[in-house]
Amino acid sequence: MNELPEEYVQYLETLDERHSAMVLPVMLESVAEGMHGVHVRGLGHHSEQALVDETVPFGKVKITTI
């Protein structure tokens, strides 16, 4: 398995276990593709969504709170 980019690791370290479990599969998808970064968006807690986003550079995490 490819290693996670440093920014992904740093972001995961700020999360509780439940949020990490939600974001990690998307980060692994991003690493497998190697083309785009991760966008985490939502209201926080139960209303968050993470996705691979073609507008985010690979290895970067974009956070949008709505």
Protein backbone atom coordinates (compact mmCIF):
# COMPACT_ATOMS: atom_id res chain seq x y z
CA MET A 1 0.00 0.00 0.00
CA ASN A 2 1.24 3.50 -0.77
CA GLU A 3 1.89 5.80 2.14
CA LEU A 4 -0.49 8.61 2.95
CA PRO A 5 0.74 12.13 2.13
CA GLU A 6 1.89 14.08 5.19
CA GLU A 7 -1.09 16.46 5.08
CA TYR A 8 -3.48 13.48 5.22
CA VAL A 9 -1.65 12.07 8.25
CA GLN A 10 -1.67 15.44 10.01
CA TYR A 11 -5.40 15.85 9.37
CA LEU A 12 -6.21 12.34 10.63
CA GLU A 13 -4.30 13.07 13.84
CA THR A 14 -6.75 15.90 14.61
CA LEU A 15 -9.82 13.64 14.35
CA ASP A 16 -11.56 11.34 16.77
CA GLU A 17 -11.83 7.64 15.89
CA ARG A 18 -15.26 7.88 14.25
CA HIS A 19 -14.27 10.75 11.98
CA SER A 20 -10.99 9.03 11.06
CA ALA A 21 -12.95 5.94 10.04
CA MET A 22 -15.11 8.09 7.76
CA VAL A 23 -12.23 9.96 6.08
CA LEU A 24 -9.54 7.26 5.82
CA PRO A 25 -11.18 5.19 3.04
CA VAL A 26 -11.49 8.32 0.89
CA MET A 27 -7.84 9.17 1.52
CA LEU A 28 -6.84 5.64 0.53
CA GLU A 29 -8.87 6.02 -2.68
CA SER A 30 -7.07 9.31 -3.37
CA VAL A 31 -3.68 7.66 -2.85
CA ALA A 32 -4.60 4.70 -5.07
CA GLU A 33 -5.58 7.06 -7.89
CA GLY A 34 -2.71 9.48 -7.22
CA MET A 35 -4.39 12.38 -9.01
CA HIS A 36 -6.67 14.39 -6.70
CA GLY A 37 -6.94 15.46 -3.08
CA VAL A 38 -9.66 15.07 -0.47
CA HIS A 39 -12.53 17.44 0.25
CA VAL A 40 -14.27 17.20 3.64
CA ARG A 41 -17.49 19.17 3.79
CA GLY A 42 -20.54 19.51 5.97
CA LEU A 43 -21.84 20.81 9.24
CA GLY A 44 -19.56 18.75 11.45
CA HIS A 45 -20.06 15.54 13.39
CA HIS A 46 -22.93 13.50 11.89
CA SER A 47 -23.39 15.70 8.81
CA GLU A 48 -19.95 15.43 7.22
CA GLN A 49 -18.97 13.96 3.89
CA ALA A 50 -15.53 13.20 2.47
CA LEU A 51 -14.79 12.74 -1.22
CA VAL A 52 -11.96 12.70 -3.72
CA ASP A 53 -12.24 16.08 -5.43
CA GLU A 54 -10.65 16.88 -8.79
CA THR A 55 -10.36 20.56 -7.79
CA VAL A 56 -8.08 19.71 -4.83
CA PRO A 57 -4.41 18.96 -5.60
CA PHE A 58 -3.21 15.47 -4.72
CA GLY A 59 -2.00 15.21 -1.13
CA LYS A 60 -4.06 18.17 0.06
CA VAL A 61 -7.16 18.30 2.27
CA LYS A 62 -9.80 20.97 1.68
CA ILE A 63 -12.30 21.57 4.50
CA THR A 64 -15.59 23.33 3.84
CA THR A 65 -18.08 24.00 6.61
CA ILE A 66 -21.56 24.85 5.46
